[in-house]
Amino acid sequence: MSKKRRTFSPEFKAQVGLEALKGIEPVHAIAARHKVHPVQVSQWKKEVSERLPEVFGQKPAVDPAQSIARERELFEEIGRLKMELEWLKKVGPLGN
């Protein structure tokens, strides 16, 4: 009889890791309550503490020059598509 390996959701890992990070209870007590190994709780705690600053990190700034260039390209494409649509309307169905 082999024991099936358990998988935990990211939400569960974050919750347990945050509990351990708070330090209110010892890691072994948190592990016993959640029925996981204390080493696993310590790993999740480390992962949470390493990744938590990313939550408050700066979002990448959009380069104004790139934004303007992209907008110009899109307007040109809109113009071409409008001209193509008008031409297709004039030609009629199936080019007749």
PDB file of N, CA and C in Angstrom:
ATOM      1  N   MET A   1       0.831  -1.179   0.000  1.00  0.00           N
ATOM      2  CA  MET A   1       0.000   0.000   0.000  1.00  0.00           C
ATOM      3  C   MET A   1       0.879   1.246   0.000  1.00  0.00           C
ATOM      4  N   SER A   2       0.846   1.994  -1.076  1.00  0.00           N
ATOM      5  CA  SER A   2       1.645   3.216  -1.120  1.00  0.00           C
ATOM      6  C   SER A   2       0.798   4.404  -0.680  1.00  0.00           C
ATOM      7  N   LYS A   3       1.470   5.337  -0.070  1.00  0.00           N
ATOM      8  CA  LYS A   3       0.789   6.533   0.422  1.00  0.00           C
ATOM      9  C   LYS A   3       0.734   7.566  -0.702  1.00  0.00           C
ATOM     10  N   LYS A   4      -0.432   8.119  -0.963  1.00  0.00           N
ATOM     11  CA  LYS A   4      -0.598   9.095  -2.032  1.00  0.00           C
ATOM     12  C   LYS A   4      -0.019  10.439  -1.597  1.00  0.00           C
ATOM     13  N   ARG A   5       0.709  11.047  -2.484  1.00  0.00           N
ATOM     14  CA  ARG A   5       1.331  12.331  -2.206  1.00  0.00           C
ATOM     15  C   ARG A   5       0.275  13.429  -2.226  1.00  0.00           C
ATOM     16  N   ARG A   6       0.300  14.276  -1.208  1.00  0.00           N
ATOM     17  CA  ARG A   6      -0.681  15.360  -1.127  1.00  0.00           C
ATOM     18  C   ARG A   6      -0.143  16.603  -1.835  1.00  0.00           C
ATOM     19  N   THR A   7      -1.054  17.335  -2.434  1.00  0.00           N
ATOM     20  CA  THR A   7      -0.692  18.626  -3.016  1.00  0.00           C
ATOM     21  C   THR A   7      -1.522  19.695  -2.324  1.00  0.00           C
ATOM     22  N   PHE A   8      -0.923  20.858  -2.152  1.00  0.00           N
ATOM     23  CA  PHE A   8      -1.585  21.949  -1.452  1.00  0.00           C
ATOM     24  C   PHE A   8      -1.742  23.131  -2.398  1.00  0.00           C
ATOM     25  N   SER A   9      -2.844  23.827  -2.246  1.00  0.00           N
ATOM     26  CA  SER A   9      -3.104  24.986  -3.102  1.00  0.00           C
ATOM     27  C   SER A   9      -2.170  26.127  -2.711  1.00  0.00           C
ATOM     28  N   PRO A  10      -1.909  27.029  -3.641  1.00  0.00           N
ATOM     29  CA  PRO A  10      -1.088  28.194  -3.317  1.00  0.00           C
ATOM     30  C   PRO A  10      -1.685  29.032  -2.186  1.00  0.00           C
ATOM     31  N   GLU A  11      -3.015  29.092  -2.126  1.00  0.00           N
ATOM     32  CA  GLU A  11      -3.668  29.860  -1.062  1.00  0.00           C
ATOM     33  C   GLU A  11      -3.380  29.251   0.304  1.00  0.00           C
ATOM     34  N   PHE A  12      -3.436  27.921   0.375  1.00  0.00           N
ATOM     35  CA  PHE A  12      -3.160  27.232   1.633  1.00  0.00           C
ATOM     36  C   PHE A  12      -1.712  27.455   2.054  1.00  0.00           C
ATOM     37  N   LYS A  13      -0.794  27.329   1.097  1.00  0.00           N
ATOM     38  CA  LYS A  13       0.626  27.536   1.401  1.00  0.00           C
ATOM     39  C   LYS A  13       0.868  28.952   1.909  1.00  0.00           C
ATOM     40  N   ALA A  14       0.237  29.926   1.265  1.00  0.00           N
ATOM     41  CA  ALA A  14       0.408  31.318   1.687  1.00  0.00           C
ATOM     42  C   ALA A  14      -0.151  31.532   3.085  1.00  0.00           C
ATOM     43  N   GLN A  15      -1.298  30.949   3.352  1.00  0.00           N
ATOM     44  CA  GLN A  15      -1.923  31.101   4.667  1.00  0.00           C
ATOM     45  C   GLN A  15      -1.029  30.519   5.757  1.00  0.00           C
ATOM     46  N   VAL A  16      -0.544  29.307   5.553  1.00  0.00           N
ATOM     47  CA  VAL A  16       0.308  28.656   6.545  1.00  0.00           C
ATOM     48  C   VAL A  16       1.636  29.405   6.673  1.00  0.00           C
ATOM     49  N   GLY A  17       2.193  29.828   5.544  1.00  0.00           N
ATOM     50  CA  GLY A  17       3.446  30.584   5.577  1.00  0.00           C
ATOM     51  C   GLY A  17       3.307  31.893   6.333  1.00  0.00           C
ATOM     52  N   LEU A  18       2.186  32.588   6.141  1.00  0.00           N
ATOM     53  CA  LEU A  18       1.953  33.840   6.872  1.00  0.00           C
ATOM     54  C   LEU A  18       1.784  33.596   8.366  1.00  0.00           C
ATOM     55  N   GLU A  19       1.089  32.523   8.709  1.00  0.00           N
ATOM     56  CA  GLU A  19       0.938  32.183  10.128  1.00  0.00           C
ATOM     57  C   GLU A  19       2.308  31.982  10.766  1.00  0.00           C
ATOM     58  N   ALA A  20       3.177  31.264  10.073  1.00  0.00           N
ATOM     59  CA  ALA A  20       4.513  31.006  10.604  1.00  0.00           C
ATOM     60  C   ALA A  20       5.331  32.292  10.661  1.00  0.00           C
ATOM     61  N   LEU A  21       5.143  33.155   9.675  1.00  0.00           N
ATOM     62  CA  LEU A  21       5.887  34.412   9.625  1.00  0.00           C
ATOM     63  C   LEU A  21       5.491  35.345  10.759  1.00  0.00           C
ATOM     64  N   LYS A  22       4.233  35.304  11.153  1.00  0.00           N
ATOM     65  CA  LYS A  22       3.771  36.144  12.264  1.00  0.00           C
ATOM     66  C   LYS A  22       4.485  35.787  13.559  1.00  0.00           C
ATOM     67  N   GLY A  23       4.806  34.524  13.741  1.00  0.00           N
ATOM     68  CA  GLY A  23       5.546  34.094  14.911  1.00  0.00           C
ATOM     69  C   GLY A  23       4.727  33.993  16.182  1.00  0.00           C
ATOM     70  N   ILE A  24       3.416  33.987  16.074  1.00  0.00           N
ATOM     71  CA  ILE A  24       2.554  33.884  17.250  1.00  0.00           C
ATOM     72  C   ILE A  24       2.670  32.490  17.862  1.00  0.00           C
ATOM     73  N   GLU A  25       2.716  31.482  16.989  1.00  0.00           N
ATOM     74  CA  GLU A  25       2.846  30.099  17.439  1.00  0.00           C
ATOM     75  C   GLU A  25       4.155  29.531  16.909  1.00  0.00           C
ATOM     76  N   PRO A  26       4.693  28.525  17.574  1.00  0.00           N
ATOM     77  CA  PRO A  26       5.884  27.863  17.026  1.00  0.00           C
ATOM     78  C   PRO A  26       5.540  27.092  15.748  1.00  0.00           C
ATOM     79  N   VAL A  27       6.547  26.904  14.925  1.00  0.00           N
ATOM     80  CA  VAL A  27       6.356  26.228  13.642  1.00  0.00           C
ATOM     81  C   VAL A  27       5.785  24.826  13.838  1.00  0.00           C
ATOM     82  N   HIS A  28       6.263  24.112  14.838  1.00  0.00           N
ATOM     83  CA  HIS A  28       5.777  22.737  15.032  1.00  0.00           C
ATOM     84  C   HIS A  28       4.296  22.714  15.406  1.00  0.00           C
ATOM     85  N   ALA A  29       3.796  23.736  16.096  1.00  0.00           N
ATOM     86  CA  ALA A  29       2.371  23.785  16.444  1.00  0.00           C
ATOM     87  C   ALA A  29       1.520  24.059  15.205  1.00  0.00           C
ATOM     88  N   ILE A  30       1.994  24.961  14.372  1.00  0.00           N
ATOM     89  CA  ILE A  30       1.282  25.262  13.117  1.00  0.00           C
ATOM     90  C   ILE A  30       1.255  24.018  12.233  1.00  0.00           C
ATOM     91  N   ALA A  31       2.393  23.326  12.155  1.00  0.00           N
ATOM     92  CA  ALA A  31       2.483  22.112  11.338  1.00  0.00           C
ATOM     93  C   ALA A  31       1.529  21.039  11.850  1.00  0.00           C
ATOM     94  N   ALA A  32       1.456  20.872  13.162  1.00  0.00           N
ATOM     95  CA  ALA A  32       0.572  19.854  13.727  1.00  0.00           C
ATOM     96  C   ALA A  32      -0.890  20.194  13.457  1.00  0.00           C
ATOM     97  N   ARG A  33      -1.239  21.469  13.574  1.00  0.00           N
ATOM     98  CA  ARG A  33      -2.626  21.877  13.358  1.00  0.00           C
ATOM     99  C   ARG A  33      -3.053  21.651  11.907  1.00  0.00           C
ATOM    100  N   HIS A  34      -2.140  21.897  10.978  1.00  0.00           N
ATOM    101  CA  HIS A  34      -2.469  21.757   9.552  1.00  0.00           C
ATOM    102  C   HIS A  34      -2.089  20.388   8.990  1.00  0.00           C
ATOM    103  N   LYS A  35      -1.530  19.523   9.840  1.00  0.00           N
ATOM    104  CA  LYS A  35      -1.150  18.158   9.450  1.00  0.00           C
ATOM    105  C   LYS A  35      -0.139  18.143   8.303  1.00  0.00           C
ATOM    106  N   VAL A  36       0.897  18.971   8.441  1.00  0.00           N
ATOM    107  CA  VAL A  36       2.017  18.973   7.504  1.00  0.00           C
ATOM    108  C   VAL A  36       3.303  18.889   8.318  1.00  0.00           C
ATOM    109  N   HIS A  37       4.398  18.612   7.661  1.00  0.00           N
ATOM    110  CA  HIS A  37       5.685  18.482   8.337  1.00  0.00           C
ATOM    111  C   HIS A  37       6.227  19.878   8.675  1.00  0.00           C
ATOM    112  N   PRO A  38       6.864  20.033   9.832  1.00  0.00           N
ATOM    113  CA  PRO A  38       7.409  21.339  10.219  1.00  0.00           C
ATOM    114  C   PRO A  38       8.419  21.910   9.220  1.00  0.00           C
ATOM    115  N   VAL A  39       9.180  21.039   8.573  1.00  0.00           N
ATOM    116  CA  VAL A  39      10.134  21.515   7.568  1.00  0.00           C
ATOM    117  C   VAL A  39       9.384  22.160   6.406  1.00  0.00           C
ATOM    118  N   GLN A  40       8.250  21.579   6.033  1.00  0.00           N
ATOM    119  CA  GLN A  40       7.442  22.143   4.950  1.00  0.00           C
ATOM    120  C   GLN A  40       6.935  23.527   5.332  1.00  0.00           C
ATOM    121  N   VAL A  41       6.483  23.682   6.569  1.00  0.00           N
ATOM    122  CA  VAL A  41       6.008  24.990   7.040  1.00  0.00           C
ATOM    123  C   VAL A  41       7.144  26.000   6.993  1.00  0.00           C
ATOM    124  N   SER A  42       8.339  25.589   7.383  1.00  0.00           N
ATOM    125  CA  SER A  42       9.497  26.493   7.348  1.00  0.00           C
ATOM    126  C   SER A  42       9.826  26.915   5.921  1.00  0.00           C
ATOM    127  N   GLN A  43       9.699  25.987   4.983  1.00  0.00           N
ATOM    128  CA  GLN A  43       9.956  26.320   3.575  1.00  0.00           C
ATOM    129  C   GLN A  43       8.933  27.327   3.062  1.00  0.00           C
ATOM    130  N   TRP A  44       7.668  27.118   3.398  1.00  0.00           N
ATOM    131  CA  TRP A  44       6.621  28.052   2.966  1.00  0.00           C
ATOM    132  C   TRP A  44       6.823  29.414   3.615  1.00  0.00           C
ATOM    133  N   LYS A  45       7.253  29.426   4.865  1.00  0.00           N
ATOM    134  CA  LYS A  45       7.524  30.681   5.576  1.00  0.00           C
ATOM    135  C   LYS A  45       8.638  31.446   4.862  1.00  0.00           C
ATOM    136  N   LYS A  46       9.697  30.736   4.489  1.00  0.00           N
ATOM    137  CA  LYS A  46      10.819  31.362   3.781  1.00  0.00           C
ATOM    138  C   LYS A  46      10.358  31.918   2.435  1.00  0.00           C
ATOM    139  N   GLU A  47       9.561  31.136   1.724  1.00  0.00           N
ATOM    140  CA  GLU A  47       9.050  31.562   0.411  1.00  0.00           C
ATOM    141  C   GLU A  47       8.204  32.829   0.537  1.00  0.00           C
ATOM    142  N   VAL A  48       7.330  32.856   1.542  1.00  0.00           N
ATOM    143  CA  VAL A  48       6.478  34.032   1.756  1.00  0.00           C
ATOM    144  C   VAL A  48       7.336  35.246   2.083  1.00  0.00           C
ATOM    145  N   SER A  49       8.302  35.083   2.960  1.00  0.00           N
ATOM    146  CA  SER A  49       9.129  36.228   3.360  1.00  0.00           C
ATOM    147  C   SER A  49       9.968  36.748   2.200  1.00  0.00           C
ATOM    148  N   GLU A  50      10.378  35.868   1.280  1.00  0.00           N
ATOM    149  CA  GLU A  50      11.160  36.305   0.122  1.00  0.00           C
ATOM    150  C   GLU A  50      10.299  37.000  -0.922  1.00  0.00           C
ATOM    151  N   ARG A  51       9.066  36.551  -1.087  1.00  0.00           N
ATOM    152  CA  ARG A  51       8.213  37.084  -2.152  1.00  0.00           C
ATOM    153  C   ARG A  51       7.304  38.227  -1.720  1.00  0.00           C
ATOM    154  N   LEU A  52       7.164  38.453  -0.449  1.00  0.00           N
ATOM    155  CA  LEU A  52       6.254  39.490   0.032  1.00  0.00           C
ATOM    156  C   LEU A  52       6.625  40.886  -0.476  1.00  0.00           C
ATOM    157  N   PRO A  53       7.899  41.254  -0.551  1.00  0.00           N
ATOM    158  CA  PRO A  53       8.225  42.584  -1.082  1.00  0.00           C
ATOM    159  C   PRO A  53       7.766  42.806  -2.523  1.00  0.00           C
ATOM    160  N   GLU A  54       7.645  41.726  -3.303  1.00  0.00           N
ATOM    161  CA  GLU A  54       7.194  41.857  -4.691  1.00  0.00           C
ATOM    162  C   GLU A  54       5.771  42.401  -4.777  1.00  0.00           C
ATOM    163  N   VAL A  55       4.982  42.133  -3.749  1.00  0.00           N
ATOM    164  CA  VAL A  55       3.591  42.591  -3.743  1.00  0.00           C
ATOM    165  C   VAL A  55       3.542  44.114  -3.784  1.00  0.00           C
ATOM    166  N   PHE A  56       4.482  44.750  -3.106  1.00  0.00           N
ATOM    167  CA  PHE A  56       4.485  46.202  -3.018  1.00  0.00           C
ATOM    168  C   PHE A  56       5.480  46.840  -3.977  1.00  0.00           C
ATOM    169  N   GLY A  57       6.057  46.050  -4.853  1.00  0.00           N
ATOM    170  CA  GLY A  57       7.028  46.561  -5.811  1.00  0.00           C
ATOM    171  C   GLY A  57       6.375  47.476  -6.828  1.00  0.00           C
ATOM    172  N   GLN A  58       7.220  48.262  -7.475  1.00  0.00           N
ATOM    173  CA  GLN A  58       6.720  49.199  -8.481  1.00  0.00           C
ATOM    174  C   GLN A  58       6.329  48.444  -9.738  1.00  0.00           C
ATOM    175  N   LYS A  59       5.292  48.918 -10.337  1.00  0.00           N
ATOM    176  CA  LYS A  59       4.860  48.358 -11.610  1.00  0.00           C
ATOM    177  C   LYS A  59       5.750  48.950 -12.708  1.00  0.00           C
ATOM    178  N   PRO A  60       6.010  48.192 -13.747  1.00  0.00           N
ATOM    179  CA  PRO A  60       6.871  48.714 -14.802  1.00  0.00           C
ATOM    180  C   PRO A  60       6.237  49.934 -15.471  1.00  0.00           C
ATOM    181  N   ALA A  61       7.031  50.956 -15.627  1.00  0.00           N
ATOM    182  CA  ALA A  61       6.542  52.189 -16.241  1.00  0.00           C
ATOM    183  C   ALA A  61       6.421  52.002 -17.752  1.00  0.00           C
ATOM    184  N   VAL A  62       5.418  52.613 -18.332  1.00  0.00           N
ATOM    185  CA  VAL A  62       5.215  52.561 -19.774  1.00  0.00           C
ATOM    186  C   VAL A  62       5.989  53.715 -20.386  1.00  0.00           C
ATOM    187  N   ASP A  63       6.794  53.398 -21.373  1.00  0.00           N
ATOM    188  CA  ASP A  63       7.582  54.424 -22.048  1.00  0.00           C
ATOM    189  C   ASP A  63       6.648  55.264 -22.914  1.00  0.00           C
ATOM    190  N   PRO A  64       6.594  56.589 -22.693  1.00  0.00           N
ATOM    191  CA  PRO A  64       5.676  57.435 -23.470  1.00  0.00           C
ATOM    192  C   PRO A  64       5.949  57.382 -24.970  1.00  0.00           C
ATOM    193  N   ALA A  65       7.211  57.291 -25.361  1.00  0.00           N
ATOM    194  CA  ALA A  65       7.536  57.244 -26.786  1.00  0.00           C
ATOM    195  C   ALA A  65       6.977  55.968 -27.418  1.00  0.00           C
ATOM    196  N   GLN A  66       7.103  54.854 -26.712  1.00  0.00           N
ATOM    197  CA  GLN A  66       6.555  53.598 -27.226  1.00  0.00           C
ATOM    198  C   GLN A  66       5.041  53.668 -27.314  1.00  0.00           C
ATOM    199  N   SER A  67       4.432  54.280 -26.319  1.00  0.00           N
ATOM    200  CA  SER A  67       2.980  54.395 -26.287  1.00  0.00           C
ATOM    201  C   SER A  67       2.480  55.219 -27.470  1.00  0.00           C
ATOM    202  N   ILE A  68       3.148  56.328 -27.749  1.00  0.00           N
ATOM    203  CA  ILE A  68       2.753  57.197 -28.862  1.00  0.00           C
ATOM    204  C   ILE A  68       2.955  56.477 -30.191  1.00  0.00           C
ATOM    205  N   ALA A  69       4.077  55.775 -30.326  1.00  0.00           N
ATOM    206  CA  ALA A  69       4.349  55.047 -31.567  1.00  0.00           C
ATOM    207  C   ALA A  69       3.308  53.950 -31.790  1.00  0.00           C
ATOM    208  N   ARG A  70       2.971  53.239 -30.730  1.00  0.00           N
ATOM    209  CA  ARG A  70       1.963  52.174 -30.847  1.00  0.00           C
ATOM    210  C   ARG A  70       0.600  52.748 -31.226  1.00  0.00           C
ATOM    211  N   GLU A  71       0.258  53.889 -30.617  1.00  0.00           N
ATOM    212  CA  GLU A  71      -1.016  54.540 -30.927  1.00  0.00           C
ATOM    213  C   GLU A  71      -1.058  54.954 -32.397  1.00  0.00           C
ATOM    214  N   ARG A  72       0.034  55.490 -32.893  1.00  0.00           N
ATOM    215  CA  ARG A  72       0.105  55.914 -34.292  1.00  0.00           C
ATOM    216  C   ARG A  72      -0.080  54.709 -35.218  1.00  0.00           C
ATOM    217  N   GLU A  73       0.589  53.591 -34.899  1.00  0.00           N
ATOM    218  CA  GLU A  73       0.444  52.377 -35.708  1.00  0.00           C
ATOM    219  C   GLU A  73      -1.008  51.904 -35.733  1.00  0.00           C
ATOM    220  N   LEU A  74      -1.654  51.946 -34.590  1.00  0.00           N
ATOM    221  CA  LEU A  74      -3.041  51.483 -34.517  1.00  0.00           C
ATOM    222  C   LEU A  74      -3.975  52.377 -35.320  1.00  0.00           C
ATOM    223  N   PHE A  75      -3.764  53.696 -35.268  1.00  0.00           N
ATOM    224  CA  PHE A  75      -4.604  54.604 -36.052  1.00  0.00           C
ATOM    225  C   PHE A  75      -4.386  54.391 -37.545  1.00  0.00           C
ATOM    226  N   GLU A  76      -3.139  54.133 -37.955  1.00  0.00           N
ATOM    227  CA  GLU A  76      -2.870  53.850 -39.365  1.00  0.00           C
ATOM    228  C   GLU A  76      -3.591  52.576 -39.800  1.00  0.00           C
ATOM    229  N   GLU A  77      -3.558  51.566 -38.955  1.00  0.00           N
ATOM    230  CA  GLU A  77      -4.241  50.314 -39.278  1.00  0.00           C
ATOM    231  C   GLU A  77      -5.747  50.522 -39.366  1.00  0.00           C
ATOM    232  N   ILE A  78      -6.302  51.329 -38.473  1.00  0.00           N
ATOM    233  CA  ILE A  78      -7.736  51.635 -38.528  1.00  0.00           C
ATOM    234  C   ILE A  78      -8.070  52.307 -39.850  1.00  0.00           C
ATOM    235  N   GLY A  79      -7.237  53.248 -40.272  1.00  0.00           N
ATOM    236  CA  GLY A  79      -7.463  53.933 -41.541  1.00  0.00           C
ATOM    237  C   GLY A  79      -7.440  52.966 -42.712  1.00  0.00           C
ATOM    238  N   ARG A  80      -6.440  52.078 -42.742  1.00  0.00           N
ATOM    239  CA  ARG A  80      -6.355  51.091 -43.832  1.00  0.00           C
ATOM    240  C   ARG A  80      -7.575  50.179 -43.838  1.00  0.00           C
ATOM    241  N   LEU A  81      -8.000  49.746 -42.670  1.00  0.00           N
ATOM    242  CA  LEU A  81      -9.147  48.848 -42.599  1.00  0.00           C
ATOM    243  C   LEU A  81     -10.434  49.545 -43.032  1.00  0.00           C
ATOM    244  N   LYS A  82     -10.581  50.824 -42.693  1.00  0.00           N
ATOM    245  CA  LYS A  82     -11.764  51.578 -43.134  1.00  0.00           C
ATOM    246  C   LYS A  82     -11.787  51.695 -44.652  1.00  0.00           C
ATOM    247  N   MET A  83     -10.623  51.994 -45.242  1.00  0.00           N
ATOM    248  CA  MET A  83     -10.555  52.111 -46.701  1.00  0.00           C
ATOM    249  C   MET A  83     -10.883  50.767 -47.357  1.00  0.00           C
ATOM    250  N   GLU A  84     -10.351  49.694 -46.805  1.00  0.00           N
ATOM    251  CA  GLU A  84     -10.620  48.370 -47.351  1.00  0.00           C
ATOM    252  C   GLU A  84     -12.102  48.025 -47.246  1.00  0.00           C
ATOM    253  N   LEU A  85     -12.730  48.368 -46.134  1.00  0.00           N
ATOM    254  CA  LEU A  85     -14.149  48.104 -45.945  1.00  0.00           C
ATOM    255  C   LEU A  85     -14.981  48.890 -46.956  1.00  0.00           C
ATOM    256  N   GLU A  86     -14.668  50.162 -47.153  1.00  0.00           N
ATOM    257  CA  GLU A  86     -15.400  50.975 -48.129  1.00  0.00           C
ATOM    258  C   GLU A  86     -15.245  50.398 -49.533  1.00  0.00           C
ATOM    259  N   TRP A  87     -14.032  49.977 -49.888  1.00  0.00           N
ATOM    260  CA  TRP A  87     -13.799  49.409 -51.209  1.00  0.00           C
ATOM    261  C   TRP A  87     -14.619  48.132 -51.386  1.00  0.00           C
ATOM    262  N   LEU A  88     -14.640  47.283 -50.340  1.00  0.00           N
ATOM    263  CA  LEU A  88     -15.403  46.042 -50.428  1.00  0.00           C
ATOM    264  C   LEU A  88     -16.900  46.312 -50.533  1.00  0.00           C
ATOM    265  N   LYS A  89     -17.382  47.361 -49.886  1.00  0.00           N
ATOM    266  CA  LYS A  89     -18.799  47.718 -49.988  1.00  0.00           C
ATOM    267  C   LYS A  89     -19.139  48.162 -51.405  1.00  0.00           C
ATOM    268  N   LYS A  90     -18.228  48.896 -52.063  1.00  0.00           N
ATOM    269  CA  LYS A  90     -18.468  49.378 -53.418  1.00  0.00           C
ATOM    270  C   LYS A  90     -18.440  48.235 -54.420  1.00  0.00           C
ATOM    271  N   VAL A  91     -17.519  47.304 -54.242  1.00  0.00           N
ATOM    272  CA  VAL A  91     -17.372  46.190 -55.176  1.00  0.00           C
ATOM    273  C   VAL A  91     -18.602  45.300 -55.128  1.00  0.00           C
ATOM    274  N   GLY A  92     -19.186  45.141 -53.977  1.00  0.00           N
ATOM    275  CA  GLY A  92     -20.387  44.323 -53.840  1.00  0.00           C
ATOM    276  C   GLY A  92     -20.047  42.887 -53.496  1.00  0.00           C
ATOM    277  N   PRO A  93     -21.077  42.078 -53.350  1.00  0.00           N
ATOM    278  CA  PRO A  93     -20.845  40.682 -52.966  1.00  0.00           C
ATOM    279  C   PRO A  93     -20.133  39.912 -54.071  1.00  0.00           C
ATOM    280  N   LEU A  94     -19.130  39.161 -53.703  1.00  0.00           N
ATOM    281  CA  LEU A  94     -18.361  38.287 -54.589  1.00  0.00           C
ATOM    282  C   LEU A  94     -17.761  39.023 -55.772  1.00  0.00           C
ATOM    283  N   GLY A  95     -17.445  40.295 -55.613  1.00  0.00           N
ATOM    284  CA  GLY A  95     -16.755  41.048 -56.647  1.00  0.00           C
ATOM    285  C   GLY A  95     -17.581  41.375 -57.865  1.00  0.00           C
ATOM    286  N   ASN A  96     -18.893  41.311 -57.803  1.00  0.00           N
ATOM    287  CA  ASN A  96     -19.755  41.618 -58.957  1.00  0.00           C
ATOM    288  C   ASN A  96     -20.046  43.078 -59.049  1.00  0.00           C
TER     289      ASN A  96
END
